[in-house]
Amino acid sequence: MAPADVPQPYERRFFRRVSLFSLGAVPPPALILLGIVSVQVGAGVAKHLFDRLPPSAVVLLRLLTSSIVLCLVSRKALRGILRTHTRRDFAVAAGFGLSLALMNFSFYQSFSRIPLGIAVTIEFFGPLVVSIAASRRLLDLAWAGLALAGVVLLAKGGGNVNLVGIGFALLAGAGWAAYIYLSAATGRRFAGSSGLALASVVGTFAVLPVGIMAGGSALIDPQLLLIGAGVGVLSSVIPYTLELEALRRMPARVFGILMSLEPAVAALVGVVVLGEVLSLREWAAISCVIFACLGATRSANQAPEV
């Protein structure tokens, strides 16, 4: 997912320093694909934790890690922020943070119950609906129908899927749709990644009570804390760094097309990291959603500007 804000120069310098090699030498599409793989591997690591730490506690550790990193990166922009922004600005950032919390909490609850690839595929329905609603082209209704057919195929699957997991994935998709609108609104009001940092803090506090209640004393286990921080780095910090570099050198439309591959990557990571072997029916359903996303993205880019 693309970051909400345009980074300031000192933020760009930070992400260059944390890179182990020159990202400028890597083609932008490769950066996006690496970011997608990092997100899904992070989810795979998180799922391995679920036997020792409940999903809501893992979400807390992920959001806490990303909040700390983003606040460090945005510390200069955050200074004096109370004097330069209105209550409405902070309300928008808070809404953004709540959508972030909803998206992550629901997604982790979903793939704790169903395979990772299926959870990501159903969740992807949220941003697809946003894209189609913005287009209002008749052809996009066909793409929406194809994506819906894929989701229905998954819902009618065998033992891999349960209705609670599907419900949480749909809720995560709704959170993702809200994230898209509110991230844009936040980015217009706050400089650099300061809005995203504020939203991450709000999201962390939103899941804090349920995360602490679920995790209990396990949250003070140094090993679990370290692994949870690793999930935050894989799922947030690394993708954020790679996307910032890629988006400086590639059109947004290409970014959207590449992101359509995320359900397939998630399914492959599920097979390799988690041993979640999917049926032909489930792969067909995932393919329906991927082709719908590709089609909707291409048709939106080919639409004449008014």
C-alpha atoms as a PDB file:
ATOM      1  CA  MET A   1       0.000   0.000   0.000  1.00  0.00           C
ATOM      2  CA  ALA A   2       1.284   3.418  -0.848  1.00  0.00           C
ATOM      3  CA  PRO A   3       2.282   5.716   2.022  1.00  0.00           C
ATOM      4  CA  ALA A   4      -0.136   8.507   2.763  1.00  0.00           C
ATOM      5  CA  ASP A   5       2.240  11.455   2.586  1.00  0.00           C
ATOM      6  CA  VAL A   6       5.098  12.766   0.472  1.00  0.00           C
ATOM      7  CA  PRO A   7       8.319  12.414   2.483  1.00  0.00           C
ATOM      8  CA  GLN A   8      10.352  15.443   3.489  1.00  0.00           C
ATOM      9  CA  PRO A   9      14.105  15.555   2.663  1.00  0.00           C
ATOM     10  CA  TYR A  10      15.247  14.453   6.141  1.00  0.00           C
ATOM     11  CA  GLU A  11      12.791  11.550   6.000  1.00  0.00           C
ATOM     12  CA  ARG A  12      14.140  10.463   2.633  1.00  0.00           C
ATOM     13  CA  ARG A  13      17.683  10.570   4.066  1.00  0.00           C
ATOM     14  CA  PHE A  14      16.597   8.334   6.961  1.00  0.00           C
ATOM     15  CA  PHE A  15      15.183   5.642   4.688  1.00  0.00           C
ATOM     16  CA  ARG A  16      18.281   5.768   2.507  1.00  0.00           C
ATOM     17  CA  ARG A  17      20.427   5.143   5.600  1.00  0.00           C
ATOM     18  CA  VAL A  18      18.419   2.122   6.733  1.00  0.00           C
ATOM     19  CA  SER A  19      18.868   0.507   3.315  1.00  0.00           C
ATOM     20  CA  LEU A  20      21.635  -2.063   3.156  1.00  0.00           C
ATOM     21  CA  PHE A  21      22.295  -1.264  -0.506  1.00  0.00           C
ATOM     22  CA  SER A  22      21.541   1.446  -3.000  1.00  0.00           C
ATOM     23  CA  LEU A  23      17.823   1.217  -3.792  1.00  0.00           C
ATOM     24  CA  GLY A  24      18.386   3.552  -6.729  1.00  0.00           C
ATOM     25  CA  ALA A  25      20.048   0.706  -8.610  1.00  0.00           C
ATOM     26  CA  VAL A  26      16.971  -1.520  -8.265  1.00  0.00           C
ATOM     27  CA  PRO A  27      14.179  -1.171 -10.898  1.00  0.00           C
ATOM     28  CA  PRO A  28      10.970   0.325  -9.389  1.00  0.00           C
ATOM     29  CA  PRO A  29       8.775  -2.705 -10.214  1.00  0.00           C
ATOM     30  CA  ALA A  30      11.251  -4.921  -8.355  1.00  0.00           C
ATOM     31  CA  LEU A  31      11.037  -2.626  -5.334  1.00  0.00           C
ATOM     32  CA  ILE A  32       7.240  -2.891  -5.303  1.00  0.00           C
ATOM     33  CA  LEU A  33       7.334  -6.666  -5.601  1.00  0.00           C
ATOM     34  CA  LEU A  34       9.931  -6.872  -2.821  1.00  0.00           C
ATOM     35  CA  GLY A  35       7.670  -4.707  -0.673  1.00  0.00           C
ATOM     36  CA  ILE A  36       4.695  -6.970  -1.338  1.00  0.00           C
ATOM     37  CA  VAL A  37       6.757 -10.045  -0.467  1.00  0.00           C
ATOM     38  CA  SER A  38       7.976  -8.358   2.732  1.00  0.00           C
ATOM     39  CA  VAL A  39       4.400  -7.568   3.832  1.00  0.00           C
ATOM     40  CA  GLN A  40       3.230 -11.112   3.233  1.00  0.00           C
ATOM     41  CA  VAL A  41       6.281 -12.749   4.806  1.00  0.00           C
ATOM     42  CA  GLY A  42       5.645 -10.509   7.812  1.00  0.00           C
ATOM     43  CA  ALA A  43       2.090 -11.854   7.906  1.00  0.00           C
ATOM     44  CA  GLY A  44       3.450 -15.389   7.679  1.00  0.00           C
ATOM     45  CA  VAL A  45       5.791 -14.782  10.621  1.00  0.00           C
ATOM     46  CA  ALA A  46       2.887 -13.262  12.539  1.00  0.00           C
ATOM     47  CA  LYS A  47       0.746 -16.333  11.961  1.00  0.00           C
ATOM     48  CA  HIS A  48       3.522 -18.543  13.370  1.00  0.00           C
ATOM     49  CA  LEU A  49       3.262 -16.434  16.536  1.00  0.00           C
ATOM     50  CA  PHE A  50      -0.461 -17.073  17.008  1.00  0.00           C
ATOM     51  CA  ASP A  51       0.170 -20.248  19.025  1.00  0.00           C
ATOM     52  CA  ARG A  52       2.003 -18.163  21.641  1.00  0.00           C
ATOM     53  CA  LEU A  53       0.494 -14.714  21.162  1.00  0.00           C
ATOM     54  CA  PRO A  54      -3.108 -13.937  20.069  1.00  0.00           C
ATOM     55  CA  PRO A  55      -3.657 -12.039  16.787  1.00  0.00           C
ATOM     56  CA  SER A  56      -4.761  -8.823  18.514  1.00  0.00           C
ATOM     57  CA  ALA A  57      -1.549  -8.776  20.580  1.00  0.00           C
ATOM     58  CA  VAL A  58       0.555  -9.280  17.433  1.00  0.00           C
ATOM     59  CA  VAL A  59      -1.312  -6.404  15.767  1.00  0.00           C
ATOM     60  CA  LEU A  60      -0.460  -4.233  18.773  1.00  0.00           C
ATOM     61  CA  LEU A  61       3.248  -5.044  18.445  1.00  0.00           C
ATOM     62  CA  ARG A  62       3.181  -4.351  14.705  1.00  0.00           C
ATOM     63  CA  LEU A  63       1.467  -0.970  15.075  1.00  0.00           C
ATOM     64  CA  LEU A  64       3.654  -0.029  18.029  1.00  0.00           C
ATOM     65  CA  THR A  65       6.816  -0.757  16.035  1.00  0.00           C
ATOM     66  CA  SER A  66       5.681   1.252  13.020  1.00  0.00           C
ATOM     67  CA  SER A  67       4.536   4.121  15.275  1.00  0.00           C
ATOM     68  CA  ILE A  68       7.935   4.366  16.950  1.00  0.00           C
ATOM     69  CA  VAL A  69       9.787   4.342  13.627  1.00  0.00           C
ATOM     70  CA  LEU A  70       7.461   6.866  11.983  1.00  0.00           C
ATOM     71  CA  CYS A  71       7.580   9.226  14.961  1.00  0.00           C
ATOM     72  CA  LEU A  72      11.381   9.116  14.910  1.00  0.00           C
ATOM     73  CA  VAL A  73      11.404   9.823  11.171  1.00  0.00           C
ATOM     74  CA  SER A  74       8.843  12.633  11.466  1.00  0.00           C
ATOM     75  CA  ARG A  75      10.097  14.156  14.713  1.00  0.00           C
ATOM     76  CA  LYS A  76      11.006  17.515  13.104  1.00  0.00           C
ATOM     77  CA  ALA A  77       7.646  17.843  11.370  1.00  0.00           C
ATOM     78  CA  LEU A  78       5.829  16.882  14.575  1.00  0.00           C
ATOM     79  CA  ARG A  79       7.400  19.715  16.581  1.00  0.00           C
ATOM     80  CA  GLY A  80       4.935  22.531  17.151  1.00  0.00           C
ATOM     81  CA  ILE A  81       2.233  20.647  15.273  1.00  0.00           C
ATOM     82  CA  LEU A  82      -0.460  21.724  17.768  1.00  0.00           C
ATOM     83  CA  ARG A  83       0.095  25.362  16.810  1.00  0.00           C
ATOM     84  CA  THR A  84      -0.115  24.844  13.053  1.00  0.00           C
ATOM     85  CA  HIS A  85      -3.144  22.571  12.639  1.00  0.00           C
ATOM     86  CA  THR A  86      -6.841  22.758  13.428  1.00  0.00           C
ATOM     87  CA  ARG A  87      -9.068  20.367  15.325  1.00  0.00           C
ATOM     88  CA  ARG A  88     -10.522  19.245  12.011  1.00  0.00           C
ATOM     89  CA  ASP A  89      -7.045  18.313  10.801  1.00  0.00           C
ATOM     90  CA  PHE A  90      -6.482  16.186  13.891  1.00  0.00           C
ATOM     91  CA  ALA A  91      -9.961  14.643  13.530  1.00  0.00           C
ATOM     92  CA  VAL A  92      -9.099  13.528  10.000  1.00  0.00           C
ATOM     93  CA  ALA A  93      -5.774  12.066  11.169  1.00  0.00           C
ATOM     94  CA  ALA A  94      -7.577  10.299  14.019  1.00  0.00           C
ATOM     95  CA  GLY A  95     -10.096   8.826  11.575  1.00  0.00           C
ATOM     96  CA  PHE A  96      -7.187   7.679   9.447  1.00  0.00           C
ATOM     97  CA  GLY A  97      -5.663   5.994  12.491  1.00  0.00           C
ATOM     98  CA  LEU A  98      -8.910   4.241  13.362  1.00  0.00           C
ATOM     99  CA  SER A  99      -9.221   2.928   9.803  1.00  0.00           C
ATOM    100  CA  LEU A 100      -5.630   1.687  10.075  1.00  0.00           C
ATOM    101  CA  ALA A 101      -6.471  -0.098  13.321  1.00  0.00           C
ATOM    102  CA  LEU A 102      -9.658  -1.622  11.887  1.00  0.00           C
ATOM    103  CA  MET A 103      -7.890  -2.823   8.748  1.00  0.00           C
ATOM    104  CA  ASN A 104      -5.008  -4.476  10.594  1.00  0.00           C
ATOM    105  CA  PHE A 105      -7.042  -5.907  13.474  1.00  0.00           C
ATOM    106  CA  SER A 106      -9.644  -7.436  11.131  1.00  0.00           C
ATOM    107  CA  PHE A 107      -7.023  -8.758   8.726  1.00  0.00           C
ATOM    108  CA  TYR A 108      -5.078 -10.542  11.463  1.00  0.00           C
ATOM    109  CA  GLN A 109      -8.285 -11.987  12.884  1.00  0.00           C
ATOM    110  CA  SER A 110      -9.143 -13.173   9.378  1.00  0.00           C
ATOM    111  CA  PHE A 111      -5.936 -14.991   8.451  1.00  0.00           C
ATOM    112  CA  SER A 112      -5.759 -16.550  11.908  1.00  0.00           C
ATOM    113  CA  ARG A 113      -8.843 -18.493  10.749  1.00  0.00           C
ATOM    114  CA  ILE A 114      -8.369 -18.900   6.978  1.00  0.00           C
ATOM    115  CA  PRO A 115      -5.337 -19.223   4.661  1.00  0.00           C
ATOM    116  CA  LEU A 116      -3.316 -16.046   4.119  1.00  0.00           C
ATOM    117  CA  GLY A 117      -3.857 -15.978   0.357  1.00  0.00           C
ATOM    118  CA  ILE A 118      -7.621 -16.222   0.732  1.00  0.00           C
ATOM    119  CA  ALA A 119      -7.719 -13.501   3.398  1.00  0.00           C
ATOM    120  CA  VAL A 120      -5.722 -11.076   1.218  1.00  0.00           C
ATOM    121  CA  THR A 121      -7.857 -11.866  -1.829  1.00  0.00           C
ATOM    122  CA  ILE A 122     -11.114 -11.070  -0.022  1.00  0.00           C
ATOM    123  CA  GLU A 123      -9.582  -7.990   1.633  1.00  0.00           C
ATOM    124  CA  PHE A 124      -8.549  -6.703  -1.814  1.00  0.00           C
ATOM    125  CA  PHE A 125     -12.234  -6.340  -2.677  1.00  0.00           C
ATOM    126  CA  GLY A 126     -12.257  -3.113  -0.598  1.00  0.00           C
ATOM    127  CA  PRO A 127      -9.796  -1.039  -2.670  1.00  0.00           C
ATOM    128  CA  LEU A 128     -11.218  -2.549  -5.861  1.00  0.00           C
ATOM    129  CA  VAL A 129     -14.684  -1.198  -4.991  1.00  0.00           C
ATOM    130  CA  VAL A 130     -13.136   2.227  -4.309  1.00  0.00           C
ATOM    131  CA  SER A 131     -11.443   2.204  -7.714  1.00  0.00           C
ATOM    132  CA  ILE A 132     -14.610   1.154  -9.523  1.00  0.00           C
ATOM    133  CA  ALA A 133     -16.801   3.648  -7.647  1.00  0.00           C
ATOM    134  CA  ALA A 134     -14.465   6.467  -8.651  1.00  0.00           C
ATOM    135  CA  SER A 135     -14.527   5.401 -12.301  1.00  0.00           C
ATOM    136  CA  ARG A 136     -18.280   4.894 -12.883  1.00  0.00           C
ATOM    137  CA  ARG A 137     -17.527   3.190 -16.226  1.00  0.00           C
ATOM    138  CA  LEU A 138     -19.877   0.434 -17.373  1.00  0.00           C
ATOM    139  CA  LEU A 139     -16.967  -1.896 -18.066  1.00  0.00           C
ATOM    140  CA  ASP A 140     -15.913  -1.629 -14.432  1.00  0.00           C
ATOM    141  CA  LEU A 141     -19.180  -3.257 -13.394  1.00  0.00           C
ATOM    142  CA  ALA A 142     -17.984  -6.342 -15.251  1.00  0.00           C
ATOM    143  CA  TRP A 143     -14.686  -6.247 -13.347  1.00  0.00           C
ATOM    144  CA  ALA A 144     -16.613  -5.893 -10.084  1.00  0.00           C
ATOM    145  CA  GLY A 145     -18.732  -8.891 -11.052  1.00  0.00           C
ATOM    146  CA  LEU A 146     -15.623 -10.947 -11.798  1.00  0.00           C
ATOM    147  CA  ALA A 147     -14.116 -10.049  -8.414  1.00  0.00           C
ATOM    148  CA  LEU A 148     -17.389 -10.845  -6.660  1.00  0.00           C
ATOM    149  CA  ALA A 149     -17.473 -14.208  -8.417  1.00  0.00           C
ATOM    150  CA  GLY A 150     -14.009 -14.907  -7.018  1.00  0.00           C
ATOM    151  CA  VAL A 151     -15.091 -14.018  -3.495  1.00  0.00           C
ATOM    152  CA  VAL A 152     -18.196 -16.222  -3.830  1.00  0.00           C
ATOM    153  CA  LEU A 153     -16.018 -19.115  -4.989  1.00  0.00           C
ATOM    154  CA  LEU A 154     -13.898 -18.698  -1.886  1.00  0.00           C
ATOM    155  CA  ALA A 155     -16.963 -18.475   0.356  1.00  0.00           C
ATOM    156  CA  LYS A 156     -18.230 -21.766  -1.052  1.00  0.00           C
ATOM    157  CA  GLY A 157     -14.870 -23.464  -0.583  1.00  0.00           C
ATOM    158  CA  GLY A 158     -14.180 -26.517   1.505  1.00  0.00           C
ATOM    159  CA  GLY A 159     -12.537 -26.911   4.893  1.00  0.00           C
ATOM    160  CA  ASN A 160     -10.020 -24.108   4.290  1.00  0.00           C
ATOM    161  CA  VAL A 161     -12.614 -21.371   4.780  1.00  0.00           C
ATOM    162  CA  ASN A 162     -15.030 -20.437   7.552  1.00  0.00           C
ATOM    163  CA  LEU A 163     -17.595 -17.659   7.611  1.00  0.00           C
ATOM    164  CA  VAL A 164     -16.041 -15.802  10.544  1.00  0.00           C
ATOM    165  CA  GLY A 165     -12.713 -15.592   8.714  1.00  0.00           C
ATOM    166  CA  ILE A 166     -14.457 -14.360   5.570  1.00  0.00           C
ATOM    167  CA  GLY A 167     -16.406 -11.791   7.584  1.00  0.00           C
ATOM    168  CA  PHE A 168     -13.220 -10.405   9.137  1.00  0.00           C
ATOM    169  CA  ALA A 169     -11.564 -10.272   5.693  1.00  0.00           C
ATOM    170  CA  LEU A 170     -14.500  -8.257   4.325  1.00  0.00           C
ATOM    171  CA  LEU A 171     -14.284  -5.953   7.347  1.00  0.00           C
ATOM    172  CA  ALA A 172     -10.563  -5.525   6.651  1.00  0.00           C
ATOM    173  CA  GLY A 173     -11.453  -4.619   3.067  1.00  0.00           C
ATOM    174  CA  ALA A 174     -13.860  -1.963   4.338  1.00  0.00           C
ATOM    175  CA  GLY A 175     -11.079  -0.646   6.577  1.00  0.00           C
ATOM    176  CA  TRP A 176      -8.735  -0.567   3.584  1.00  0.00           C
ATOM    177  CA  ALA A 177     -11.302   1.404   1.566  1.00  0.00           C
ATOM    178  CA  ALA A 178     -11.616   3.954   4.394  1.00  0.00           C
ATOM    179  CA  TYR A 179      -7.813   4.023   4.656  1.00  0.00           C
ATOM    180  CA  ILE A 180      -7.558   5.081   0.990  1.00  0.00           C
ATOM    181  CA  TYR A 181      -9.884   8.057   1.401  1.00  0.00           C
ATOM    182  CA  LEU A 182      -8.570   9.163   4.793  1.00  0.00           C
ATOM    183  CA  SER A 183      -4.892   8.762   3.881  1.00  0.00           C
ATOM    184  CA  ALA A 184      -5.367  11.172   0.986  1.00  0.00           C
ATOM    185  CA  ALA A 185      -7.208  13.656   3.211  1.00  0.00           C
ATOM    186  CA  THR A 186      -4.506  13.379   5.879  1.00  0.00           C
ATOM    187  CA  GLY A 187      -1.733  13.825   3.338  1.00  0.00           C
ATOM    188  CA  ARG A 188      -3.261  17.117   2.208  1.00  0.00           C
ATOM    189  CA  ARG A 189      -3.284  18.456   5.766  1.00  0.00           C
ATOM    190  CA  PHE A 190       0.058  17.300   7.197  1.00  0.00           C
ATOM    191  CA  ALA A 191       3.598  17.647   5.896  1.00  0.00           C
ATOM    192  CA  GLY A 192       5.779  14.666   5.115  1.00  0.00           C
ATOM    193  CA  SER A 193       4.845  11.495   6.925  1.00  0.00           C
ATOM    194  CA  SER A 194       3.763  13.343  10.087  1.00  0.00           C
ATOM    195  CA  GLY A 195       0.091  12.586   9.386  1.00  0.00           C
ATOM    196  CA  LEU A 196       0.860   8.901   8.971  1.00  0.00           C
ATOM    197  CA  ALA A 197       2.861   8.983  12.216  1.00  0.00           C
ATOM    198  CA  LEU A 198      -0.071  10.550  14.083  1.00  0.00           C
ATOM    199  CA  ALA A 199      -2.467   8.024  12.574  1.00  0.00           C
ATOM    200  CA  SER A 200      -0.201   5.157  13.591  1.00  0.00           C
ATOM    201  CA  VAL A 201      -0.143   6.409  17.181  1.00  0.00           C
ATOM    202  CA  VAL A 202      -3.955   6.660  17.204  1.00  0.00           C
ATOM    203  CA  GLY A 203      -4.225   3.163  15.736  1.00  0.00           C
ATOM    204  CA  THR A 204      -1.839   1.806  18.354  1.00  0.00           C
ATOM    205  CA  PHE A 205      -3.874   3.288  21.211  1.00  0.00           C
ATOM    206  CA  ALA A 206      -7.088   1.976  19.601  1.00  0.00           C
ATOM    207  CA  VAL A 207      -5.891  -1.638  19.757  1.00  0.00           C
ATOM    208  CA  LEU A 208      -3.948  -1.205  23.001  1.00  0.00           C
ATOM    209  CA  PRO A 209      -6.718  -2.376  25.427  1.00  0.00           C
ATOM    210  CA  VAL A 210      -7.699  -5.476  23.476  1.00  0.00           C
ATOM    211  CA  GLY A 211      -4.070  -6.261  22.645  1.00  0.00           C
ATOM    212  CA  ILE A 212      -3.001  -6.105  26.303  1.00  0.00           C
ATOM    213  CA  MET A 213      -6.028  -8.102  27.475  1.00  0.00           C
ATOM    214  CA  ALA A 214      -5.370 -10.805  24.886  1.00  0.00           C
ATOM    215  CA  GLY A 215      -1.592 -10.914  25.236  1.00  0.00           C
ATOM    216  CA  GLY A 216      -1.312 -10.571  29.014  1.00  0.00           C
ATOM    217  CA  SER A 217       2.058 -11.453  30.487  1.00  0.00           C
ATOM    218  CA  ALA A 218       3.269 -12.828  27.136  1.00  0.00           C
ATOM    219  CA  LEU A 219       3.736  -9.241  26.003  1.00  0.00           C
ATOM    220  CA  ILE A 220       6.709  -8.859  28.329  1.00  0.00           C
ATOM    221  CA  ASP A 221       8.468 -11.948  26.956  1.00  0.00           C
ATOM    222  CA  PRO A 222      11.646 -10.531  25.304  1.00  0.00           C
ATOM    223  CA  GLN A 223      11.658 -13.189  22.576  1.00  0.00           C
ATOM    224  CA  LEU A 224       8.053 -12.537  21.601  1.00  0.00           C
ATOM    225  CA  LEU A 225       8.622  -8.780  21.714  1.00  0.00           C
ATOM    226  CA  LEU A 226      11.586  -9.150  19.373  1.00  0.00           C
ATOM    227  CA  ILE A 227       9.647 -11.304  16.921  1.00  0.00           C
ATOM    228  CA  GLY A 228       6.683  -8.920  17.093  1.00  0.00           C
ATOM    229  CA  ALA A 229       8.995  -6.014  16.327  1.00  0.00           C
ATOM    230  CA  GLY A 230      10.309  -8.030  13.381  1.00  0.00           C
ATOM    231  CA  VAL A 231       6.737  -8.369  12.113  1.00  0.00           C
ATOM    232  CA  GLY A 232       6.406  -4.586  12.321  1.00  0.00           C
ATOM    233  CA  VAL A 233       9.625  -4.084  10.360  1.00  0.00           C
ATOM    234  CA  LEU A 234       8.663  -6.622   7.677  1.00  0.00           C
ATOM    235  CA  SER A 235       5.043  -5.495   7.399  1.00  0.00           C
ATOM    236  CA  SER A 236       5.481  -1.720   7.685  1.00  0.00           C
ATOM    237  CA  VAL A 237       9.003  -0.278   7.748  1.00  0.00           C
ATOM    238  CA  ILE A 238      10.552  -2.188   4.830  1.00  0.00           C
ATOM    239  CA  PRO A 239       7.527  -1.874   2.472  1.00  0.00           C
ATOM    240  CA  TYR A 240       7.218   1.819   3.338  1.00  0.00           C
ATOM    241  CA  THR A 241      10.886   2.383   2.474  1.00  0.00           C
ATOM    242  CA  LEU A 242      10.659   0.487  -0.820  1.00  0.00           C
ATOM    243  CA  GLU A 243       7.410   2.147  -1.893  1.00  0.00           C
ATOM    244  CA  LEU A 244       8.786   5.638  -1.227  1.00  0.00           C
ATOM    245  CA  GLU A 245      11.756   4.940  -3.488  1.00  0.00           C
ATOM    246  CA  ALA A 246       9.681   3.253  -6.211  1.00  0.00           C
ATOM    247  CA  LEU A 247       6.978   5.936  -6.348  1.00  0.00           C
ATOM    248  CA  ARG A 248       9.609   8.577  -7.036  1.00  0.00           C
ATOM    249  CA  ARG A 249      10.517   6.758 -10.255  1.00  0.00           C
ATOM    250  CA  MET A 250       7.319   5.178 -11.569  1.00  0.00           C
ATOM    251  CA  PRO A 251       3.761   6.289 -12.512  1.00  0.00           C
ATOM    252  CA  ALA A 252       1.012   5.666  -9.972  1.00  0.00           C
ATOM    253  CA  ARG A 253      -0.919   3.608 -12.559  1.00  0.00           C
ATOM    254  CA  VAL A 254       1.951   1.098 -12.789  1.00  0.00           C
ATOM    255  CA  PHE A 255       2.025   0.919  -9.003  1.00  0.00           C
ATOM    256  CA  GLY A 256      -1.687   0.054  -9.001  1.00  0.00           C
ATOM    257  CA  ILE A 257      -1.203  -2.715 -11.540  1.00  0.00           C
ATOM    258  CA  LEU A 258       1.680  -4.251  -9.622  1.00  0.00           C
ATOM    259  CA  MET A 259      -0.301  -4.154  -6.364  1.00  0.00           C
ATOM    260  CA  SER A 260      -2.900  -6.352  -8.080  1.00  0.00           C
ATOM    261  CA  LEU A 261      -0.405  -9.191  -7.754  1.00  0.00           C
ATOM    262  CA  GLU A 262      -0.596  -9.087  -3.948  1.00  0.00           C
ATOM    263  CA  PRO A 263      -3.222 -11.858  -3.580  1.00  0.00           C
ATOM    264  CA  ALA A 264      -1.078 -14.226  -5.656  1.00  0.00           C
ATOM    265  CA  VAL A 265       2.052 -13.372  -3.665  1.00  0.00           C
ATOM    266  CA  ALA A 266       0.123 -13.886  -0.423  1.00  0.00           C
ATOM    267  CA  ALA A 267      -1.067 -17.292  -1.605  1.00  0.00           C
ATOM    268  CA  LEU A 268       2.481 -18.319  -2.571  1.00  0.00           C
ATOM    269  CA  VAL A 269       3.872 -17.118   0.759  1.00  0.00           C
ATOM    270  CA  GLY A 270       1.107 -19.078   2.471  1.00  0.00           C
ATOM    271  CA  VAL A 271       2.245 -22.221   0.678  1.00  0.00           C
ATOM    272  CA  VAL A 272       5.983 -21.736   1.280  1.00  0.00           C
ATOM    273  CA  VAL A 273       6.016 -20.188   4.772  1.00  0.00           C
ATOM    274  CA  LEU A 274       2.865 -21.675   6.302  1.00  0.00           C
ATOM    275  CA  GLY A 275       2.270 -24.840   4.282  1.00  0.00           C
ATOM    276  CA  GLU A 276      -1.224 -23.633   3.313  1.00  0.00           C
ATOM    277  CA  VAL A 277      -1.863 -25.610   0.140  1.00  0.00           C
ATOM    278  CA  LEU A 278      -4.863 -24.280  -1.771  1.00  0.00           C
ATOM    279  CA  SER A 279      -7.246 -26.162  -4.019  1.00  0.00           C
ATOM    280  CA  LEU A 280      -7.670 -25.493  -7.751  1.00  0.00           C
ATOM    281  CA  ARG A 281     -10.992 -23.844  -6.972  1.00  0.00           C
ATOM    282  CA  GLU A 282      -9.332 -21.437  -4.559  1.00  0.00           C
ATOM    283  CA  TRP A 283      -6.570 -20.605  -7.041  1.00  0.00           C
ATOM    284  CA  ALA A 284      -9.248 -19.942  -9.662  1.00  0.00           C
ATOM    285  CA  ALA A 285     -11.036 -17.604  -7.258  1.00  0.00           C
ATOM    286  CA  ILE A 286      -7.804 -15.729  -6.522  1.00  0.00           C
ATOM    287  CA  SER A 287      -7.173 -15.434 -10.270  1.00  0.00           C
ATOM    288  CA  CYS A 288     -10.630 -13.889 -10.744  1.00  0.00           C
ATOM    289  CA  VAL A 289      -9.849 -11.143  -8.224  1.00  0.00           C
ATOM    290  CA  ILE A 290      -6.379 -10.514  -9.690  1.00  0.00           C
ATOM    291  CA  PHE A 291      -7.728 -10.155 -13.247  1.00  0.00           C
ATOM    292  CA  ALA A 292     -10.544  -7.922 -11.992  1.00  0.00           C
ATOM    293  CA  CYS A 293      -8.003  -5.651 -10.279  1.00  0.00           C
ATOM    294  CA  LEU A 294      -5.798  -5.565 -13.374  1.00  0.00           C
ATOM    295  CA  GLY A 295      -8.771  -4.812 -15.609  1.00  0.00           C
ATOM    296  CA  ALA A 296     -10.161  -2.091 -13.355  1.00  0.00           C
ATOM    297  CA  THR A 297      -6.743  -0.441 -13.067  1.00  0.00           C
ATOM    298  CA  ARG A 298      -6.117  -0.486 -16.821  1.00  0.00           C
ATOM    299  CA  SER A 299      -9.585   0.793 -17.710  1.00  0.00           C
ATOM    300  CA  ALA A 300      -9.280   3.603 -15.152  1.00  0.00           C
ATOM    301  CA  ASN A 301      -5.972   4.661 -16.705  1.00  0.00           C
ATOM    302  CA  GLN A 302      -7.450   4.568 -20.232  1.00  0.00           C
ATOM    303  CA  ALA A 303     -10.492   6.668 -19.254  1.00  0.00           C
ATOM    304  CA  PRO A 304     -10.489  10.089 -20.954  1.00  0.00           C
ATOM    305  CA  GLU A 305      -9.774  13.008 -18.636  1.00  0.00           C
ATOM    306  CA  VAL A 306     -12.598  15.489 -18.182  1.00  0.00           C
END
